[in-house]
Amino acid sequence: MRFLHTMLRVRDLDTALQFFSGALGLQEVRRIDNDKGRFTLLFLCAPEDVELVRQSPGRPAPTIELTHNWDAESYGEDRFFGHLAYEVDDIYATCERLMKMGITINRPPRDGQMAFVRSPDLHSVELLQKGDALPPQEPWASMPNTGHW
């Protein structure tokens, strides 16, 4: 068994892409528009995995699938799926860049190792420092949690 993707339902595909592509830097690798079923499936992966996906479509790299149903549906704020997790080169620089884009850091990287943000559709996204934790530093070390994650 191997991991293929995590599916997330989104209410607005453009808004979701602004978050996952524009803010987090994921790249679209496949899109399926199903007119009969009235939905779009959009697959994204980390930039480092794009070539892997293109070279071996039968053995894809980990991706996320954004499912957009064209007719309005209410999903509530259920969090039964858990969260997505991404490794980053510099947790502080990543969180600073996201904050400048207006994204709330729900769980700041006080420990230099882990932070949580949420997508416009309220999906939890965990950001983990690559390698060892960075030394604690302000403003992160004393920043409180915001909302829930």
Protein backbone atom coordinates (compact mmCIF):
# COMPACT_ATOMS: atom_id res chain seq x y z
CA MET A 1 0.00 0.00 0.00
CA ARG A 2 1.28 3.53 -0.75
CA PHE A 3 -0.07 6.97 -0.08
CA LEU A 4 -1.61 8.61 -3.17
CA HIS A 5 -3.41 11.76 -2.05
CA THR A 6 -5.60 13.44 0.53
CA MET A 7 -8.94 14.70 -0.76
CA LEU A 8 -10.30 17.98 0.52
CA ARG A 9 -13.67 19.45 -0.43
CA VAL A 10 -13.52 23.15 -1.27
CA ARG A 11 -16.31 25.69 -1.72
CA ASP A 12 -14.46 28.03 -4.09
CA LEU A 13 -11.72 26.57 -6.28
CA ASP A 14 -10.06 29.93 -7.03
CA THR A 15 -9.87 30.86 -3.34
CA ALA A 16 -8.53 27.40 -2.47
CA LEU A 17 -5.87 27.73 -5.20
CA GLN A 18 -4.80 31.13 -3.86
CA PHE A 19 -4.09 29.40 -0.54
CA PHE A 20 -2.57 26.09 -1.66
CA SER A 21 -0.68 27.41 -4.72
CA GLY A 22 -0.22 31.12 -4.01
CA ALA A 23 0.55 30.92 -0.29
CA LEU A 24 1.92 27.39 0.20
CA GLY A 25 3.56 27.07 -3.24
CA LEU A 26 2.01 23.76 -4.31
CA GLN A 27 1.76 23.18 -8.06
CA GLU A 28 -1.13 21.83 -10.10
CA VAL A 29 -0.26 18.52 -11.78
CA ARG A 30 -3.67 17.32 -13.00
CA ARG A 31 -7.22 18.61 -13.39
CA ILE A 32 -10.39 16.71 -14.20
CA ASP A 33 -13.62 18.55 -15.02
CA ASN A 34 -16.60 16.19 -14.92
CA ASP A 35 -19.56 17.88 -16.63
CA LYS A 36 -21.93 14.96 -16.00
CA GLY A 37 -21.08 14.76 -12.28
CA ARG A 38 -20.79 18.57 -12.01
CA PHE A 39 -17.45 18.59 -10.19
CA THR A 40 -13.77 19.40 -10.68
CA LEU A 41 -10.87 17.41 -9.25
CA LEU A 42 -7.59 19.30 -9.02
CA PHE A 43 -4.38 17.58 -7.94
CA LEU A 44 -1.48 19.52 -6.39
CA CYS A 45 1.96 18.52 -5.18
CA ALA A 46 5.08 20.10 -3.72
CA PRO A 47 7.37 21.71 -6.35
CA GLU A 48 10.07 19.13 -5.57
CA ASP A 49 7.67 16.33 -6.59
CA VAL A 50 6.43 17.73 -9.93
CA GLU A 51 9.08 15.92 -12.00
CA LEU A 52 8.40 12.66 -10.16
CA VAL A 53 4.71 12.95 -11.02
CA ARG A 54 5.47 13.74 -14.69
CA GLN A 55 8.09 11.00 -15.09
CA SER A 56 6.10 8.24 -13.38
CA PRO A 57 2.36 8.91 -13.65
CA GLY A 58 1.66 5.34 -12.52
CA ARG A 59 3.64 5.92 -9.30
CA PRO A 60 2.61 9.42 -8.26
CA ALA A 61 4.25 11.50 -5.58
CA PRO A 62 2.06 12.47 -2.63
CA THR A 63 -0.63 14.90 -3.78
CA ILE A 64 -3.71 16.58 -2.47
CA GLU A 65 -6.94 16.43 -4.42
CA LEU A 66 -9.17 19.48 -4.18
CA THR A 67 -12.74 18.43 -4.96
CA HIS A 68 -15.04 21.25 -6.03
CA ASN A 69 -18.70 20.39 -6.49
CA TRP A 70 -20.20 22.95 -8.84
CA ASP A 71 -23.51 23.07 -6.99
CA ALA A 72 -23.43 24.70 -3.56
CA GLU A 73 -23.15 22.32 -0.62
CA SER A 74 -22.68 22.94 3.09
CA TYR A 75 -19.81 21.00 4.67
CA GLY A 76 -19.76 22.71 8.06
CA GLU A 77 -16.50 22.80 9.95
CA ASP A 78 -15.95 19.07 10.43
CA ARG A 79 -12.31 18.20 11.03
CA PHE A 80 -12.59 14.41 10.94
CA PHE A 81 -9.85 14.13 8.32
CA GLY A 82 -7.12 15.41 10.68
CA HIS A 83 -4.69 17.68 8.86
CA LEU A 84 -2.19 17.97 6.03
CA ALA A 85 1.48 18.18 6.96
CA TYR A 86 4.29 19.85 5.01
CA GLU A 87 7.98 20.15 5.81
CA VAL A 88 9.47 23.64 5.33
CA ASP A 89 13.07 24.89 5.15
CA ASP A 90 12.52 27.77 7.62
CA ILE A 91 9.41 27.68 9.83
CA TYR A 92 9.81 31.31 10.90
CA ALA A 93 10.25 32.69 7.38
CA THR A 94 7.30 30.61 6.17
CA CYS A 95 5.01 31.84 8.94
CA GLU A 96 6.12 35.44 8.43
CA ARG A 97 5.39 35.22 4.70
CA LEU A 98 1.95 33.70 5.36
CA MET A 99 1.11 36.41 7.92
CA LYS A 100 2.05 39.11 5.39
CA MET A 101 -0.46 37.47 3.03
CA GLY A 102 -3.17 37.85 5.68
CA ILE A 103 -3.19 34.21 6.79
CA THR A 104 -3.73 33.62 10.51
CA ILE A 105 -1.11 31.51 12.26
CA ASN A 106 -3.44 29.49 14.50
CA ARG A 107 -0.64 27.72 16.35
CA PRO A 108 2.59 29.77 16.14
CA PRO A 109 5.98 28.01 15.93
CA ARG A 110 6.89 28.77 19.55
CA ASP A 111 9.13 25.71 19.64
CA GLY A 112 10.86 26.44 16.31
CA GLN A 113 9.45 23.16 15.04
CA MET A 114 5.70 23.25 14.36
CA ALA A 115 2.94 25.64 13.34
CA PHE A 116 -0.67 25.30 12.17
CA VAL A 117 -2.67 27.41 9.73
CA ARG A 118 -6.08 26.85 8.16
CA SER A 119 -7.16 27.10 4.54
CA PRO A 120 -10.09 29.31 3.46
CA ASP A 121 -12.23 26.15 3.73
CA LEU A 122 -10.99 25.57 7.30
CA HIS A 123 -8.66 22.63 6.57
CA SER A 124 -5.86 22.37 9.12
CA VAL A 125 -2.35 22.51 7.68
CA GLU A 126 0.63 21.59 9.85
CA LEU A 127 3.99 23.14 8.98
CA LEU A 128 7.06 21.29 10.30
CA GLN A 129 10.64 22.57 10.38
CA LYS A 130 12.95 20.48 8.20
CA GLY A 131 15.65 18.84 10.33
CA ASP A 132 16.21 20.05 13.87
CA ALA A 133 14.00 22.68 15.48
CA LEU A 134 15.17 26.28 15.13
CA PRO A 135 16.06 28.10 18.37
CA PRO A 136 12.98 29.81 19.86
CA GLN A 137 12.69 33.48 18.88
CA GLU A 138 10.27 36.36 19.12
CA PRO A 139 7.62 37.21 18.21
CA TRP A 140 6.84 33.51 17.88
CA ALA A 141 7.99 32.36 21.33
CA SER A 142 5.38 34.43 23.17
CA MET A 143 2.62 34.47 20.53
CA PRO A 144 -0.63 32.85 21.71
CA ASN A 145 -2.79 30.43 19.75
CA THR A 146 -5.58 31.96 17.65
CA GLY A 147 -8.84 30.08 17.16
CA HIS A 148 -8.45 26.36 16.82
CA TRP A 149 -6.47 24.14 14.50
